[in-house]
C-alpha atoms as a PDB file:
ATOM      1  CA  MET A   1       0.143   0.041   0.329  1.00  0.00           C
ATOM      2  CA  MET A   2       0.919   3.392  -1.133  1.00  0.00           C
ATOM      3  CA  GLU A   3      -0.215   4.363   2.175  1.00  0.00           C
ATOM      4  CA  SER A   4       1.799   5.651   5.017  1.00  0.00           C
ATOM      5  CA  GLN A   5       1.942   6.645   9.019  1.00  0.00           C
ATOM      6  CA  TRP A   6       4.576   8.782   9.685  1.00  0.00           C
ATOM      7  CA  PRO A   7       4.871  12.033  11.406  1.00  0.00           C
ATOM      8  CA  LEU A   8       3.643  14.771   9.823  1.00  0.00           C
ATOM      9  CA  ASP A   9       5.704  17.239  12.302  1.00  0.00           C
ATOM     10  CA  ARG A  10       9.737  16.581  10.794  1.00  0.00           C
ATOM     11  CA  VAL A  11      11.638  15.090   7.787  1.00  0.00           C
ATOM     12  CA  LEU A  12      11.886  11.330   8.318  1.00  0.00           C
ATOM     13  CA  ASP A  13      15.739  10.307   8.457  1.00  0.00           C
ATOM     14  CA  GLU A  14      17.427   8.128   5.820  1.00  0.00           C
ATOM     15  CA  SER A  15      16.762   5.070   7.667  1.00  0.00           C
ATOM     16  CA  GLU A  16      13.477   5.697   8.130  1.00  0.00           C
ATOM     17  CA  LEU A  17      12.932   5.798   4.987  1.00  0.00           C
ATOM     18  CA  HIS A  18      15.387   2.810   4.226  1.00  0.00           C
ATOM     19  CA  ASP A  19      12.603   0.452   6.360  1.00  0.00           C
ATOM     20  CA  LEU A  20       9.718   2.166   4.490  1.00  0.00           C
ATOM     21  CA  ALA A  21      10.754   1.274   1.235  1.00  0.00           C
ATOM     22  CA  GLN A  22      12.016  -2.129   2.060  1.00  0.00           C
ATOM     23  CA  LYS A  23       9.030  -2.520   3.576  1.00  0.00           C
ATOM     24  CA  ARG A  24       7.026  -1.835   0.792  1.00  0.00           C
ATOM     25  CA  GLY A  25       9.313  -3.888  -1.621  1.00  0.00           C
ATOM     26  CA  LEU A  26      10.827  -0.886  -3.361  1.00  0.00           C
ATOM     27  CA  HIS A  27      14.596  -0.273  -4.162  1.00  0.00           C
ATOM     28  CA  ASP A  28      16.510   2.432  -2.937  1.00  0.00           C
ATOM     29  CA  TRP A  29      15.353   4.748  -5.465  1.00  0.00           C
ATOM     30  CA  VAL A  30      11.963   4.645  -7.932  1.00  0.00           C
ATOM     31  CA  LEU A  31      11.164   6.691 -10.740  1.00  0.00           C
ATOM     32  CA  ILE A  32       7.595   6.931 -11.446  1.00  0.00           C
ATOM     33  CA  GLY A  33       5.542   8.843 -13.934  1.00  0.00           C
ATOM     34  CA  ALA A  34       3.229   9.223 -16.479  1.00  0.00           C
ATOM     35  CA  VAL A  35       3.065   9.726 -20.431  1.00  0.00           C
ATOM     36  CA  TYR A  36      -0.340  11.079 -21.042  1.00  0.00           C
ATOM     37  CA  GLY A  37      -1.698  11.497 -24.844  1.00  0.00           C
ATOM     38  CA  PRO A  38      -2.926   9.950 -28.410  1.00  0.00           C
ATOM     39  CA  PRO A  39      -0.131   6.891 -29.230  1.00  0.00           C
ATOM     40  CA  SER A  40       1.867   8.740 -32.141  1.00  0.00           C
ATOM     41  CA  VAL A  41       2.893  11.331 -28.875  1.00  0.00           C
ATOM     42  CA  THR A  42       3.264   8.633 -26.204  1.00  0.00           C
ATOM     43  CA  ARG A  43       5.042   5.507 -27.883  1.00  0.00           C
ATOM     44  CA  PRO A  44       7.928   7.667 -29.109  1.00  0.00           C
ATOM     45  CA  ALA A  45       8.232   9.853 -25.149  1.00  0.00           C
ATOM     46  CA  ILE A  46       8.767   6.311 -23.877  1.00  0.00           C
ATOM     47  CA  LYS A  47      10.894   5.149 -25.596  1.00  0.00           C
ATOM     48  CA  LEU A  48      13.035   8.079 -25.866  1.00  0.00           C
ATOM     49  CA  ILE A  49      12.422   8.144 -21.787  1.00  0.00           C
ATOM     50  CA  ARG A  50      13.540   4.525 -21.561  1.00  0.00           C
ATOM     51  CA  ARG A  51      17.025   5.246 -23.817  1.00  0.00           C
ATOM     52  CA  GLU A  52      18.311   7.841 -21.003  1.00  0.00           C
ATOM     53  CA  MET A  53      16.890   5.860 -18.203  1.00  0.00           C
ATOM     54  CA  LYS A  54      19.086   3.399 -19.481  1.00  0.00           C
ATOM     55  CA  THR A  55      22.183   5.122 -18.700  1.00  0.00           C
ATOM     56  CA  CYS A  56      22.027   5.541 -15.335  1.00  0.00           C
ATOM     57  CA  SER A  57      19.600   2.621 -13.901  1.00  0.00           C
ATOM     58  CA  ARG A  58      20.414  -1.272 -14.280  1.00  0.00           C
ATOM     59  CA  LEU A  59      16.037  -1.711 -14.729  1.00  0.00           C
ATOM     60  CA  VAL A  60      13.797   0.721 -16.718  1.00  0.00           C
ATOM     61  CA  VAL A  61      10.528  -0.380 -16.522  1.00  0.00           C
ATOM     62  CA  CYS A  62       7.579   0.675 -19.095  1.00  0.00           C
ATOM     63  CA  MET A  63       3.846  -0.092 -17.416  1.00  0.00           C
ATOM     64  CA  ASN A  64       0.514   0.495 -18.544  1.00  0.00           C
ATOM     65  CA  ARG A  65      -2.793  -0.937 -16.527  1.00  0.00           C
ATOM     66  CA  LYS A  66      -3.200  -4.014 -19.063  1.00  0.00           C
ATOM     67  CA  LYS A  67       0.822  -5.413 -18.123  1.00  0.00           C
ATOM     68  CA  LEU A  68       0.317  -5.210 -14.651  1.00  0.00           C
ATOM     69  CA  ASN A  69      -3.389  -6.727 -14.884  1.00  0.00           C
ATOM     70  CA  PHE A  70      -1.041  -9.795 -16.350  1.00  0.00           C
ATOM     71  CA  ILE A  71       1.298  -9.679 -14.158  1.00  0.00           C
ATOM     72  CA  LYS A  72      -0.445 -10.312 -11.125  1.00  0.00           C
ATOM     73  CA  ARG A  73      -2.536 -12.969 -12.619  1.00  0.00           C
ATOM     74  CA  ILE A  74       0.513 -14.577 -13.321  1.00  0.00           C
ATOM     75  CA  ALA A  75       1.988 -13.706  -9.196  1.00  0.00           C
ATOM     76  CA  ARG A  76      -0.592 -15.215  -7.930  1.00  0.00           C
ATOM     77  CA  LEU A  77       0.661 -18.654  -8.981  1.00  0.00           C
ATOM     78  CA  ILE A  78       3.872 -17.349  -7.017  1.00  0.00           C
ATOM     79  CA  PRO A  79       3.640 -17.170  -3.108  1.00  0.00           C
ATOM     80  CA  ASN A  80       6.428 -14.854  -2.496  1.00  0.00           C
ATOM     81  CA  SER A  81       5.221 -11.626  -0.335  1.00  0.00           C
ATOM     82  CA  ARG A  82       8.273  -9.270  -1.522  1.00  0.00           C
ATOM     83  CA  VAL A  83       6.689  -9.907  -4.688  1.00  0.00           C
ATOM     84  CA  GLN A  84       2.529  -9.239  -4.068  1.00  0.00           C
ATOM     85  CA  LYS A  85       3.736  -6.079  -1.885  1.00  0.00           C
ATOM     86  CA  MET A  86       5.776  -4.624  -4.857  1.00  0.00           C
ATOM     87  CA  LEU A  87       2.747  -4.918  -7.065  1.00  0.00           C
ATOM     88  CA  ALA A  88       0.050  -3.800  -4.818  1.00  0.00           C
ATOM     89  CA  SER A  89       2.692  -0.546  -4.514  1.00  0.00           C
ATOM     90  CA  ALA A  90       2.297  -0.462  -8.606  1.00  0.00           C
ATOM     91  CA  SER A  91      -1.144  -0.832  -8.465  1.00  0.00           C
ATOM     92  CA  ASP A  92      -1.773   1.849  -6.640  1.00  0.00           C
ATOM     93  CA  ALA A  93       0.708   4.378  -8.052  1.00  0.00           C
ATOM     94  CA  MET A  94      -1.202   3.753 -11.575  1.00  0.00           C
ATOM     95  CA  ASP A  95      -4.205   4.191  -9.386  1.00  0.00           C
ATOM     96  CA  ILE A  96      -2.826   7.729  -8.101  1.00  0.00           C
ATOM     97  CA  LEU A  97      -1.800   8.840 -12.051  1.00  0.00           C
ATOM     98  CA  GLU A  98      -5.112   7.342 -13.589  1.00  0.00           C
ATOM     99  CA  GLY A  99      -6.856   9.762 -11.060  1.00  0.00           C
ATOM    100  CA  VAL A 100      -8.555   6.504  -9.822  1.00  0.00           C
ATOM    101  CA  GLN A 101      -9.870   7.425  -5.841  1.00  0.00           C
ATOM    102  CA  THR A 102      -9.432   4.463  -4.203  1.00  0.00           C
ATOM    103  CA  ARG A 103      -9.240   6.126   0.036  1.00  0.00           C
ATOM    104  CA  SER A 104      -7.751   8.923   1.161  1.00  0.00           C
ATOM    105  CA  LEU A 105      -3.939   8.698   1.466  1.00  0.00           C
ATOM    106  CA  TYR A 106      -4.013  11.562   3.993  1.00  0.00           C
ATOM    107  CA  HIS A 107      -4.797  11.169   7.268  1.00  0.00           C
ATOM    108  CA  SER A 108      -5.230  14.135   9.439  1.00  0.00           C
ATOM    109  CA  PRO A 109      -4.100  14.062  13.497  1.00  0.00           C
ATOM    110  CA  THR A 110      -7.019  13.580  15.546  1.00  0.00           C
END
């Protein structure tokens, strides 16, 4: 889940941030973005982004909802909680990028 509880009155230190990422199966650096438009615009843009990111990253993954749902169906056969957490985080990120409101990500202090 992308939803997390953390103190709102201070910045997380490096070890807290690292622990938070590890709990979600994320690497030290994760870049998430979106490219919107017709395929004649998005395909070349994604190709360029892929090429540029390969110079500074070991792994470049471009995902859409169809690919994500396919991977999730296959992953059900793999009893690996880390994979399930990564896919849940990817699904939550996809919801945000698509404007799907599943629940509030902000918890106001009570």
